[in-house]
Amino acid sequence: MSKMQTRKYIKIGKENRLYQTWINMKKRCYDSRILKYKRYGARGVKFCDSWLKFENFVDWALENGYQNDLQIDRIDGDKDYCPENCRWVTPKVQSNNRKYVNKIELNGLVKNKMNGPNI
């Protein structure tokens, strides 16, 4: 990714959706005062060292399909926020990958209960 694009996102800063995503991820992992901490930081979920710098997170995001209509998703909800475990997905895909989603099994297929009619 070009340094120019990275600088654009860094310059916009707090008004930028990508920055807010990064800040909210950090809060879930490290701020025990927020409600979602119990599902993240309290379970040991953290950031990889390189993502502690916003610039590095921006580089990864822009090189890996970031778009304003997508959300960050940890592929394995028990692992950290890191390039190997994160991707950008639609809200529907992200909601189906949550640890706390009720799932059902039918004929050997496991589905999210919210998608029941699609079984």
Protein backbone atom coordinates (compact mmCIF):
# COMPACT_ATOMS: atom_id res chain seq x y z
CA MET A 1 0.00 0.00 0.00
CA SER A 2 1.32 3.44 -0.77
CA LYS A 3 2.52 5.67 2.04
CA MET A 4 0.26 8.39 0.61
CA GLN A 5 -2.88 6.29 1.20
CA THR A 6 -1.74 5.35 4.70
CA ARG A 7 -1.04 8.99 5.54
CA LYS A 8 -4.50 9.96 4.28
CA TYR A 9 -6.15 7.62 6.78
CA ILE A 10 -3.84 8.67 9.60
CA LYS A 11 -4.37 12.38 8.92
CA ILE A 12 -8.16 12.03 9.08
CA GLY A 13 -7.70 10.30 12.45
CA LYS A 14 -10.59 10.24 14.87
CA GLU A 15 -13.19 11.08 12.23
CA ASN A 16 -12.20 8.05 10.20
CA ARG A 17 -14.25 4.82 10.40
CA LEU A 18 -11.09 2.72 10.20
CA TYR A 19 -9.61 4.60 13.16
CA GLN A 20 -12.81 4.05 15.16
CA THR A 21 -12.70 0.34 14.33
CA TRP A 22 -9.11 0.16 15.61
CA ILE A 23 -9.91 2.11 18.80
CA ASN A 24 -12.94 -0.08 19.54
CA MET A 25 -10.88 -3.24 19.04
CA LYS A 26 -8.28 -1.93 21.48
CA LYS A 27 -10.95 -1.05 24.05
CA ARG A 28 -12.46 -4.55 23.85
CA CYS A 29 -9.01 -6.05 24.47
CA TYR A 30 -7.50 -3.69 27.04
CA ASP A 31 -10.15 -1.53 28.77
CA SER A 32 -11.72 -3.50 31.61
CA ARG A 33 -14.23 -0.69 32.22
CA ILE A 34 -16.22 -1.43 29.06
CA LEU A 35 -18.91 -4.11 28.88
CA LYS A 36 -17.45 -6.06 25.93
CA TYR A 37 -14.09 -6.50 27.68
CA LYS A 38 -15.37 -9.70 29.32
CA ARG A 39 -15.73 -11.33 25.88
CA TYR A 40 -12.32 -10.20 24.67
CA GLY A 41 -9.59 -8.97 27.01
CA ALA A 42 -10.81 -10.97 30.00
CA ARG A 43 -10.55 -14.13 27.86
CA GLY A 44 -6.99 -13.23 26.81
CA VAL A 45 -7.75 -11.79 23.35
CA LYS A 46 -5.24 -9.09 22.46
CA PHE A 47 -3.56 -7.30 19.54
CA CYS A 48 -0.48 -8.54 17.76
CA ASP A 49 2.42 -6.20 18.52
CA SER A 50 2.50 -4.60 15.07
CA TRP A 51 -1.16 -3.53 15.25
CA LEU A 52 -0.57 -1.53 18.41
CA LYS A 53 0.56 1.17 15.93
CA PHE A 54 -2.40 2.50 13.96
CA GLU A 55 -0.23 2.99 10.85
CA ASN A 56 0.50 -0.75 10.68
CA PHE A 57 -3.17 -1.62 11.09
CA VAL A 58 -4.07 0.81 8.28
CA ASP A 59 -1.50 -0.77 5.97
CA TRP A 60 -2.89 -4.24 6.64
CA ALA A 61 -6.51 -3.10 6.27
CA LEU A 62 -5.96 -1.36 2.93
CA GLU A 63 -3.98 -4.30 1.56
CA ASN A 64 -6.63 -6.81 2.65
CA GLY A 65 -9.89 -5.51 1.25
CA TYR A 66 -11.04 -2.84 3.72
CA GLN A 67 -14.23 -1.09 2.59
CA ASN A 68 -16.56 1.15 4.58
CA ASP A 69 -19.40 -1.37 4.35
CA LEU A 70 -17.36 -4.26 5.80
CA GLN A 71 -16.54 -5.21 9.39
CA ILE A 72 -13.44 -6.75 10.87
CA ASP A 73 -13.88 -10.40 11.80
CA ARG A 74 -11.62 -12.73 13.75
CA ILE A 75 -11.73 -16.06 11.93
CA ASP A 76 -11.14 -17.93 15.19
CA GLY A 77 -12.92 -16.10 18.00
CA ASP A 78 -10.56 -17.55 20.59
CA LYS A 79 -7.46 -16.07 18.95
CA ASP A 80 -6.02 -12.56 18.82
CA TYR A 81 -6.52 -9.65 16.47
CA CYS A 82 -3.69 -10.24 13.99
CA PRO A 83 -3.25 -10.46 10.21
CA GLU A 84 -3.40 -14.26 10.23
CA ASN A 85 -6.73 -14.32 12.10
CA CYS A 86 -8.62 -11.32 10.70
CA ARG A 87 -10.53 -10.47 7.56
CA TRP A 88 -13.05 -7.92 6.30
CA VAL A 89 -16.57 -9.33 5.90
CA THR A 90 -20.19 -8.28 5.56
CA PRO A 91 -22.22 -7.85 8.75
CA LYS A 92 -24.08 -11.12 7.99
CA VAL A 93 -20.89 -13.17 7.70
CA GLN A 94 -19.51 -11.54 10.84
CA SER A 95 -22.64 -12.27 12.86
CA ASN A 96 -22.55 -15.93 11.82
CA ASN A 97 -19.00 -16.25 13.14
CA ARG A 98 -19.77 -15.13 16.69
CA LYS A 99 -18.98 -17.40 19.59
CA TYR A 100 -22.33 -16.66 21.25
CA VAL A 101 -24.56 -17.47 18.28
CA ASN A 102 -27.06 -20.29 18.80
CA LYS A 103 -26.35 -23.04 16.32
CA ILE A 104 -28.32 -26.10 15.30
CA GLU A 105 -27.31 -29.30 13.55
CA LEU A 106 -29.49 -30.99 10.96
CA ASN A 107 -28.39 -33.87 8.77
CA GLY A 108 -24.75 -33.27 9.67
CA LEU A 109 -24.84 -29.55 8.79
CA VAL A 110 -24.28 -26.94 11.50
CA LYS A 111 -26.07 -23.64 10.91
CA ASN A 112 -26.71 -20.42 12.77
CA LYS A 113 -30.32 -20.44 14.06
CA MET A 114 -30.83 -17.05 12.43
CA ASN A 115 -30.34 -18.78 9.07
CA GLY A 116 -32.76 -21.60 9.85
CA PRO A 117 -34.79 -21.27 6.64
CA ASN A 118 -31.58 -21.64 4.60
CA ILE A 119 -30.82 -25.14 5.91
